[in-house]
Amino acid sequence: YHFTEVVPYIRNRSGQGMCPMEKSSLHKTPEEFYKAVSK
């Protein structure tokens, strides 16, 4: 992948906050996040 811009976080659809998926991954290991979203 190639990126042209680095941003602090991905925004939600309204542009007013953090993407729900990204927000739910905060403070989780990849394994914890995978378990949370694969239910």
PDB file of N, CA and C in Angstrom:
ATOM      1  N   TYR A   1       0.833  -1.189   0.000  1.00  0.00           N
ATOM      2  CA  TYR A   1       0.000   0.000   0.000  1.00  0.00           C
ATOM      3  C   TYR A   1       0.872   1.245   0.000  1.00  0.00           C
ATOM      4  N   HIS A   2       0.359   2.295  -0.605  1.00  0.00           N
ATOM      5  CA  HIS A   2       1.058   3.577  -0.633  1.00  0.00           C
ATOM      6  C   HIS A   2       0.093   4.650  -0.142  1.00  0.00           C
ATOM      7  N   PHE A   3       0.573   5.476   0.741  1.00  0.00           N
ATOM      8  CA  PHE A   3      -0.256   6.531   1.303  1.00  0.00           C
ATOM      9  C   PHE A   3       0.332   7.883   0.942  1.00  0.00           C
ATOM     10  N   THR A   4      -0.536   8.829   0.649  1.00  0.00           N
ATOM     11  CA  THR A   4      -0.067  10.173   0.330  1.00  0.00           C
ATOM     12  C   THR A   4      -0.255  11.127   1.495  1.00  0.00           C
ATOM     13  N   GLU A   5      -1.024  10.691   2.493  1.00  0.00           N
ATOM     14  CA  GLU A   5      -1.295  11.556   3.633  1.00  0.00           C
ATOM     15  C   GLU A   5      -1.402  10.717   4.902  1.00  0.00           C
ATOM     16  N   VAL A   6      -0.786  11.190   5.962  1.00  0.00           N
ATOM     17  CA  VAL A   6      -0.889  10.537   7.263  1.00  0.00           C
ATOM     18  C   VAL A   6      -1.830  11.370   8.116  1.00  0.00           C
ATOM     19  N   VAL A   7      -2.809  10.713   8.715  1.00  0.00           N
ATOM     20  CA  VAL A   7      -3.798  11.407   9.538  1.00  0.00           C
ATOM     21  C   VAL A   7      -3.793  10.810  10.941  1.00  0.00           C
ATOM     22  N   PRO A   8      -4.227  11.581  11.945  1.00  0.00           N
ATOM     23  CA  PRO A   8      -4.215  11.059  13.316  1.00  0.00           C
ATOM     24  C   PRO A   8      -5.174   9.886  13.503  1.00  0.00           C
ATOM     25  N   TYR A   9      -6.314   9.901  12.798  1.00  0.00           N
ATOM     26  CA  TYR A   9      -7.282   8.809  12.866  1.00  0.00           C
ATOM     27  C   TYR A   9      -8.239   8.918  11.687  1.00  0.00           C
ATOM     28  N   ILE A  10      -8.941   7.825  11.420  1.00  0.00           N
ATOM     29  CA  ILE A  10      -9.947   7.800  10.360  1.00  0.00           C
ATOM     30  C   ILE A  10     -11.239   8.370  10.931  1.00  0.00           C
ATOM     31  N   ARG A  11     -11.854   9.284  10.186  1.00  0.00           N
ATOM     32  CA  ARG A  11     -13.078   9.940  10.667  1.00  0.00           C
ATOM     33  C   ARG A  11     -14.319   9.127  10.320  1.00  0.00           C
ATOM     34  N   ASN A  12     -15.362   9.340  11.117  1.00  0.00           N
ATOM     35  CA  ASN A  12     -16.643   8.689  10.832  1.00  0.00           C
ATOM     36  C   ASN A  12     -17.312   9.375   9.642  1.00  0.00           C
ATOM     37  N   ARG A  13     -18.450   8.876   9.227  1.00  0.00           N
ATOM     38  CA  ARG A  13     -19.125   9.413   8.033  1.00  0.00           C
ATOM     39  C   ARG A  13     -19.456  10.889   8.134  1.00  0.00           C
ATOM     40  N   SER A  14     -19.840  11.334   9.323  1.00  0.00           N
ATOM     41  CA  SER A  14     -20.209  12.746   9.485  1.00  0.00           C
ATOM     42  C   SER A  14     -18.979  13.643   9.572  1.00  0.00           C
ATOM     43  N   GLY A  15     -17.808  13.046   9.778  1.00  0.00           N
ATOM     44  CA  GLY A  15     -16.581  13.823   9.894  1.00  0.00           C
ATOM     45  C   GLY A  15     -16.397  14.468  11.253  1.00  0.00           C
ATOM     46  N   GLN A  16     -17.272  14.135  12.196  1.00  0.00           N
ATOM     47  CA  GLN A  16     -17.245  14.783  13.505  1.00  0.00           C
ATOM     48  C   GLN A  16     -16.505  13.991  14.576  1.00  0.00           C
ATOM     49  N   GLY A  17     -16.080  12.792  14.266  1.00  0.00           N
ATOM     50  CA  GLY A  17     -15.394  11.986  15.274  1.00  0.00           C
ATOM     51  C   GLY A  17     -14.656  10.832  14.639  1.00  0.00           C
ATOM     52  N   MET A  18     -14.217   9.919  15.466  1.00  0.00           N
ATOM     53  CA  MET A  18     -13.435   8.783  15.019  1.00  0.00           C
ATOM     54  C   MET A  18     -14.342   7.685  14.446  1.00  0.00           C
ATOM     55  N   CYS A  19     -13.853   7.011  13.439  1.00  0.00           N
ATOM     56  CA  CYS A  19     -14.530   5.862  12.849  1.00  0.00           C
ATOM     57  C   CYS A  19     -14.872   4.856  13.951  1.00  0.00           C
ATOM     58  N   PRO A  20     -16.093   4.311  13.949  1.00  0.00           N
ATOM     59  CA  PRO A  20     -16.486   3.378  15.007  1.00  0.00           C
ATOM     60  C   PRO A  20     -15.568   2.156  15.112  1.00  0.00           C
ATOM     61  N   MET A  21     -15.119   1.628  13.998  1.00  0.00           N
ATOM     62  CA  MET A  21     -14.219   0.471  14.047  1.00  0.00           C
ATOM     63  C   MET A  21     -12.882   0.857  14.660  1.00  0.00           C
ATOM     64  N   GLU A  22     -12.360   1.991  14.261  1.00  0.00           N
ATOM     65  CA  GLU A  22     -11.090   2.434  14.816  1.00  0.00           C
ATOM     66  C   GLU A  22     -11.235   2.740  16.305  1.00  0.00           C
ATOM     67  N   LYS A  23     -12.342   3.357  16.677  1.00  0.00           N
ATOM     68  CA  LYS A  23     -12.591   3.683  18.082  1.00  0.00           C
ATOM     69  C   LYS A  23     -12.664   2.412  18.931  1.00  0.00           C
ATOM     70  N   SER A  24     -13.304   1.371  18.394  1.00  0.00           N
ATOM     71  CA  SER A  24     -13.426   0.126  19.155  1.00  0.00           C
ATOM     72  C   SER A  24     -12.107  -0.631  19.263  1.00  0.00           C
ATOM     73  N   SER A  25     -11.133  -0.277  18.436  1.00  0.00           N
ATOM     74  CA  SER A  25      -9.837  -0.964  18.492  1.00  0.00           C
ATOM     75  C   SER A  25      -8.854  -0.305  19.457  1.00  0.00           C
ATOM     76  N   LEU A  26      -9.203   0.871  19.963  1.00  0.00           N
ATOM     77  CA  LEU A  26      -8.296   1.570  20.873  1.00  0.00           C
ATOM     78  C   LEU A  26      -8.026   0.733  22.117  1.00  0.00           C
ATOM     79  N   HIS A  27      -6.785   0.732  22.540  1.00  0.00           N
ATOM     80  CA  HIS A  27      -6.366   0.053  23.770  1.00  0.00           C
ATOM     81  C   HIS A  27      -6.601  -1.455  23.734  1.00  0.00           C
ATOM     82  N   LYS A  28      -6.646  -2.037  22.535  1.00  0.00           N
ATOM     83  CA  LYS A  28      -6.785  -3.484  22.398  1.00  0.00           C
ATOM     84  C   LYS A  28      -5.603  -4.022  21.598  1.00  0.00           C
ATOM     85  N   THR A  29      -5.214  -5.241  21.918  1.00  0.00           N
ATOM     86  CA  THR A  29      -4.219  -5.915  21.094  1.00  0.00           C
ATOM     87  C   THR A  29      -4.918  -6.359  19.813  1.00  0.00           C
ATOM     88  N   PRO A  30      -4.170  -6.676  18.772  1.00  0.00           N
ATOM     89  CA  PRO A  30      -4.818  -7.184  17.559  1.00  0.00           C
ATOM     90  C   PRO A  30      -5.691  -8.411  17.840  1.00  0.00           C
ATOM     91  N   GLU A  31      -5.229  -9.277  18.729  1.00  0.00           N
ATOM     92  CA  GLU A  31      -5.996 -10.480  19.063  1.00  0.00           C
ATOM     93  C   GLU A  31      -7.310 -10.127  19.760  1.00  0.00           C
ATOM     94  N   GLU A  32      -7.261  -9.188  20.702  1.00  0.00           N
ATOM     95  CA  GLU A  32      -8.474  -8.759  21.405  1.00  0.00           C
ATOM     96  C   GLU A  32      -9.466  -8.118  20.444  1.00  0.00           C
ATOM     97  N   PHE A  33      -8.953  -7.297  19.536  1.00  0.00           N
ATOM     98  CA  PHE A  33      -9.824  -6.636  18.570  1.00  0.00           C
ATOM     99  C   PHE A  33     -10.461  -7.658  17.634  1.00  0.00           C
ATOM    100  N   TYR A  34      -9.676  -8.617  17.180  1.00  0.00           N
ATOM    101  CA  TYR A  34     -10.216  -9.655  16.300  1.00  0.00           C
ATOM    102  C   TYR A  34     -11.350 -10.407  16.986  1.00  0.00           C
ATOM    103  N   LYS A  35     -11.145 -10.776  18.240  1.00  0.00           N
ATOM    104  CA  LYS A  35     -12.195 -11.477  18.985  1.00  0.00           C
ATOM    105  C   LYS A  35     -13.446 -10.610  19.108  1.00  0.00           C
ATOM    106  N   ALA A  36     -13.268  -9.324  19.335  1.00  0.00           N
ATOM    107  CA  ALA A  36     -14.404  -8.412  19.508  1.00  0.00           C
ATOM    108  C   ALA A  36     -15.224  -8.265  18.228  1.00  0.00           C
ATOM    109  N   VAL A  37     -14.573  -8.219  17.077  1.00  0.00           N
ATOM    110  CA  VAL A  37     -15.306  -7.990  15.825  1.00  0.00           C
ATOM    111  C   VAL A  37     -15.727  -9.277  15.129  1.00  0.00           C
ATOM    112  N   SER A  38     -15.226 -10.413  15.571  1.00  0.00           N
ATOM    113  CA  SER A  38     -15.575 -11.665  14.893  1.00  0.00           C
ATOM    114  C   SER A  38     -16.711 -12.412  15.582  1.00  0.00           C
ATOM    115  N   LYS A  39     -17.387 -11.763  16.509  1.00  0.00           N
ATOM    116  CA  LYS A  39     -18.519 -12.404  17.203  1.00  0.00           C
ATOM    117  C   LYS A  39     -19.720 -12.488  16.301  1.00  0.00           C
TER     118      LYS A  39
END
